[in-house]
Amino acid sequence: MAILKDGINGPFSGKVGSIVGYQLNGQTIIRGLPTVVRRKPTALTLLNRSRMKVVSQFLKPLKPVIDFGYKNTAPRGSRVGAFQSAQSYTFRNAIDYDENNVPYVNPEKVLVFRGNLMEPSLLVVTREENTIHIQWDSTQYKYKRGILLVVAYAIEEEQVLFDEGGAKISAGTFTWNLGEEISTAKYPHLHIYVGVYDVVRNELSDSVYGGCV
């Protein structure tokens, strides 16, 4: 069943036969339901399904970060949302294969933020239990107004921590206390991503991978 939002001539939301209508970024989208394929999938089809699955699994816990970090790649009126944009980038750029040719997402190749600002350089990240220490070369950063964005991602535990505005990019250093519950015993591997955000211009840099600590 579908709902007519503005009368018989207006957009609808829901399902009518083989057609589905929904709203995305202020636009009404209409698409057909997928066709059921009876034939056995090829090896390439199965591989692509595995690739999409690992991408979705990796990005799912990051969705709140992705919605912010990719917001300028999917402006209002776009037919592709922020999360879909991140899926596309990760699918094309961040998949590697193990010795058995099984695909996986390489955290080093992932971007959790996308933008045109200059990203931090000469990044050094260390950890002491539940405290993260971050250093970067602020003398090389020409745009002094930005603030530092930091994400800590415990992939196995599907835990994501996000700090927005902890330090100015001109500071060159930031110490992030994650809280007593984020211990090395409970979360032994944290993948760190760092970026820059200009609040005034609403612009971001691409994220930089700070390593696993």
Protein backbone atom coordinates (compact mmCIF):
# COMPACT_ATOMS: atom_id res chain seq x y z
CA MET A 1 0.00 0.00 0.00
CA ALA A 2 1.21 3.53 -0.82
CA ILE A 3 0.27 6.88 0.74
CA LEU A 4 -0.57 9.90 -1.45
CA LYS A 5 1.05 12.85 0.31
CA ASP A 6 -0.49 15.73 -1.70
CA GLY A 7 -3.51 14.26 -3.40
CA ILE A 8 -3.75 12.27 -6.62
CA ASN A 9 -1.14 14.41 -8.41
CA GLY A 10 1.38 14.46 -5.58
CA PRO A 11 4.27 12.14 -4.64
CA PHE A 12 3.59 8.84 -2.96
CA SER A 13 5.42 6.78 -0.36
CA GLY A 14 5.20 3.01 -0.26
CA LYS A 15 4.61 0.17 -2.71
CA VAL A 16 2.26 0.03 -5.69
CA GLY A 17 2.55 -3.25 -7.57
CA SER A 18 6.17 -3.53 -8.64
CA ILE A 19 6.94 0.17 -7.98
CA VAL A 20 8.32 1.64 -4.73
CA GLY A 21 8.28 5.37 -3.91
CA TYR A 22 10.30 7.09 -1.18
CA GLN A 23 11.88 10.43 -0.24
CA LEU A 24 15.66 11.04 -0.40
CA ASN A 25 17.29 14.43 0.24
CA GLY A 26 14.05 16.28 -0.52
CA GLN A 27 13.38 14.43 -3.78
CA THR A 28 10.74 11.81 -4.55
CA ILE A 29 12.40 8.66 -5.87
CA ILE A 30 10.51 5.92 -7.72
CA ARG A 31 12.14 2.60 -8.53
CA GLY A 32 11.11 -0.89 -9.55
CA LEU A 33 11.40 -3.87 -7.26
CA PRO A 34 14.37 -6.14 -7.96
CA THR A 35 13.81 -8.98 -10.38
CA VAL A 36 14.15 -12.47 -8.94
CA VAL A 37 16.97 -14.30 -10.74
CA ARG A 38 16.60 -18.06 -10.79
CA ARG A 39 19.88 -19.03 -12.42
CA LYS A 40 22.92 -19.96 -10.34
CA PRO A 41 25.11 -16.91 -9.59
CA THR A 42 28.54 -16.77 -11.21
CA ALA A 43 31.79 -16.72 -9.25
CA LEU A 44 32.14 -13.00 -10.01
CA THR A 45 28.62 -12.32 -8.74
CA LEU A 46 29.37 -14.17 -5.50
CA LEU A 47 32.63 -12.25 -5.10
CA ASN A 48 30.88 -8.91 -5.57
CA ARG A 49 28.26 -9.92 -3.01
CA SER A 50 31.05 -10.73 -0.55
CA ARG A 51 32.69 -7.38 -1.29
CA MET A 52 29.47 -5.48 -0.64
CA LYS A 53 28.85 -7.46 2.54
CA VAL A 54 32.25 -6.70 4.09
CA VAL A 55 31.91 -3.02 3.15
CA SER A 56 28.47 -2.77 4.77
CA GLN A 57 29.65 -4.61 7.90
CA PHE A 58 32.69 -2.35 8.27
CA LEU A 59 30.81 0.92 7.77
CA LYS A 60 27.63 0.14 9.72
CA PRO A 61 29.03 1.07 13.19
CA LEU A 62 30.51 4.21 11.62
CA LYS A 63 27.22 5.50 10.21
CA PRO A 64 26.84 8.54 12.54
CA VAL A 65 30.42 9.56 11.68
CA ILE A 66 29.87 8.89 7.96
CA ASP A 67 26.68 10.97 7.93
CA PHE A 68 28.76 13.91 9.15
CA GLY A 69 32.02 13.18 7.33
CA TYR A 70 30.45 12.64 3.90
CA LYS A 71 27.73 15.27 4.14
CA ASN A 72 29.34 17.50 1.52
CA THR A 73 29.64 14.64 -0.97
CA ALA A 74 25.85 14.25 -0.97
CA PRO A 75 24.28 17.74 -0.81
CA ARG A 76 20.55 18.27 -0.54
CA GLY A 77 18.90 17.29 -3.81
CA SER A 78 21.42 14.54 -4.54
CA ARG A 79 20.06 11.09 -5.32
CA VAL A 80 22.91 9.49 -3.39
CA GLY A 81 23.07 9.78 0.40
CA ALA A 82 26.19 10.21 2.53
CA PHE A 83 26.29 6.56 3.58
CA GLN A 84 25.87 5.35 -0.01
CA SER A 85 28.71 7.66 -1.04
CA ALA A 86 30.95 6.14 1.64
CA GLN A 87 29.99 2.64 0.53
CA SER A 88 30.91 3.46 -3.05
CA TYR A 89 34.29 4.95 -2.09
CA THR A 90 35.16 2.05 0.21
CA PHE A 91 34.07 -0.55 -2.35
CA ARG A 92 36.30 1.01 -5.03
CA ASN A 93 39.34 1.94 -2.92
CA ALA A 94 39.61 0.05 0.37
CA ILE A 95 39.11 -3.67 -0.32
CA ASP A 96 42.00 -6.12 -0.09
CA TYR A 97 42.10 -9.94 -0.23
CA ASP A 98 43.57 -12.52 2.12
CA GLU A 99 45.57 -15.59 1.12
CA ASN A 100 42.32 -17.43 0.30
CA ASN A 101 41.11 -14.59 -1.96
CA VAL A 102 38.48 -13.60 0.61
CA PRO A 103 37.78 -9.85 0.49
CA TYR A 104 38.10 -7.61 3.53
CA VAL A 105 38.15 -3.87 4.16
CA ASN A 106 41.64 -2.52 4.83
CA PRO A 107 41.24 0.12 7.59
CA GLU A 108 44.30 2.03 6.33
CA LYS A 109 42.55 2.78 3.03
CA VAL A 110 39.22 3.92 4.48
CA LEU A 111 38.19 7.58 4.57
CA VAL A 112 35.69 8.46 7.30
CA PHE A 113 35.72 12.16 6.30
CA ARG A 114 35.80 13.63 2.77
CA GLY A 115 36.59 17.21 1.85
CA ASN A 116 38.90 19.72 0.22
CA LEU A 117 40.67 21.16 3.26
CA MET A 118 44.31 20.26 3.82
CA GLU A 119 44.59 17.20 6.07
CA PRO A 120 47.03 17.01 9.04
CA SER A 121 50.58 15.98 8.10
CA LEU A 122 53.37 14.10 9.91
CA LEU A 123 50.79 12.51 12.17
CA VAL A 124 51.99 10.62 15.26
CA VAL A 125 49.48 8.69 17.41
CA THR A 126 50.28 6.86 20.64
CA ARG A 127 48.16 5.28 23.37
CA GLU A 128 48.48 4.90 27.11
CA GLU A 129 45.65 2.65 28.31
CA ASN A 130 42.51 4.78 27.76
CA THR A 131 44.32 7.94 26.64
CA ILE A 132 45.24 8.79 23.03
CA HIS A 133 48.05 11.26 22.28
CA ILE A 134 48.04 12.87 18.83
CA GLN A 135 50.69 15.13 17.30
CA TRP A 136 50.90 16.74 13.87
CA ASP A 137 52.95 19.41 12.12
CA SER A 138 50.92 22.58 12.62
CA THR A 139 53.63 24.72 10.97
CA GLN A 140 52.85 23.14 7.60
CA TYR A 141 49.13 23.65 7.93
CA LYS A 142 48.18 26.85 6.13
CA TYR A 143 44.57 26.98 7.29
CA LYS A 144 44.74 27.80 11.00
CA ARG A 145 41.02 28.15 11.73
CA GLY A 146 40.15 24.45 11.51
CA ILE A 147 39.49 22.13 14.43
CA LEU A 148 40.68 18.57 14.83
CA LEU A 149 38.28 15.64 14.34
CA VAL A 150 39.25 12.25 15.78
CA VAL A 151 37.62 8.83 15.45
CA ALA A 152 38.62 5.70 17.35
CA TYR A 153 37.19 2.49 15.87
CA ALA A 154 37.38 -0.88 17.64
CA ILE A 155 36.45 -3.01 14.64
CA GLU A 156 36.07 -6.38 16.35
CA GLU A 157 33.88 -4.90 19.10
CA GLU A 158 31.99 -2.59 16.67
CA GLN A 159 32.64 0.33 19.02
CA VAL A 160 33.13 3.86 17.63
CA LEU A 161 34.21 6.97 19.54
CA PHE A 162 34.10 10.41 17.90
CA ASP A 163 35.60 13.66 19.18
CA GLU A 164 34.63 16.78 17.23
CA GLY A 165 36.35 19.97 18.30
CA GLY A 166 38.89 18.72 20.82
CA ALA A 167 41.69 20.99 19.58
CA LYS A 168 42.48 23.67 17.05
CA ILE A 169 44.62 22.58 14.14
CA SER A 170 47.11 25.31 15.07
CA ALA A 171 47.81 23.60 18.43
CA GLY A 172 49.79 20.71 16.95
CA THR A 173 48.90 18.34 19.77
CA PHE A 174 45.82 16.79 21.37
CA THR A 175 45.33 14.41 24.30
CA TRP A 176 42.07 12.46 24.22
CA ASN A 177 40.82 10.70 27.35
CA LEU A 178 38.42 7.98 26.21
CA GLY A 179 36.99 7.15 29.63
CA GLU A 180 37.74 4.38 32.08
CA GLU A 181 35.59 1.83 30.24
CA ILE A 182 37.86 1.98 27.15
CA SER A 183 40.70 -0.11 28.53
CA THR A 184 43.34 -1.97 26.55
CA ALA A 185 42.03 -5.22 28.01
CA LYS A 186 38.50 -4.61 26.70
CA TYR A 187 39.48 -2.78 23.51
CA PRO A 188 43.02 -3.87 22.60
CA HIS A 189 42.94 -2.46 19.05
CA LEU A 190 41.73 1.03 18.22
CA HIS A 191 42.02 2.30 14.66
CA ILE A 192 42.49 6.07 14.68
CA TYR A 193 41.29 8.49 11.99
CA VAL A 194 42.03 12.22 12.11
CA GLY A 195 40.64 15.08 10.04
CA VAL A 196 40.00 18.82 10.04
CA TYR A 197 36.72 20.73 10.12
CA ASP A 198 36.06 24.42 9.48
CA VAL A 199 32.88 25.28 11.37
CA VAL A 200 32.44 28.67 9.70
CA ARG A 201 32.66 27.43 6.12
CA ASN A 202 31.27 23.96 6.93
CA GLU A 203 34.16 22.29 5.12
CA LEU A 204 36.18 19.18 5.95
CA SER A 205 39.43 17.54 4.97
CA ASP A 206 39.84 13.93 3.98
CA SER A 207 40.61 11.80 7.00
CA VAL A 208 44.12 10.53 7.69
CA TYR A 209 44.71 7.05 9.13
CA GLY A 210 46.68 7.37 12.36
CA GLY A 211 47.36 3.67 12.83
CA CYS A 212 46.15 0.95 15.18
CA VAL A 213 46.96 1.61 18.84
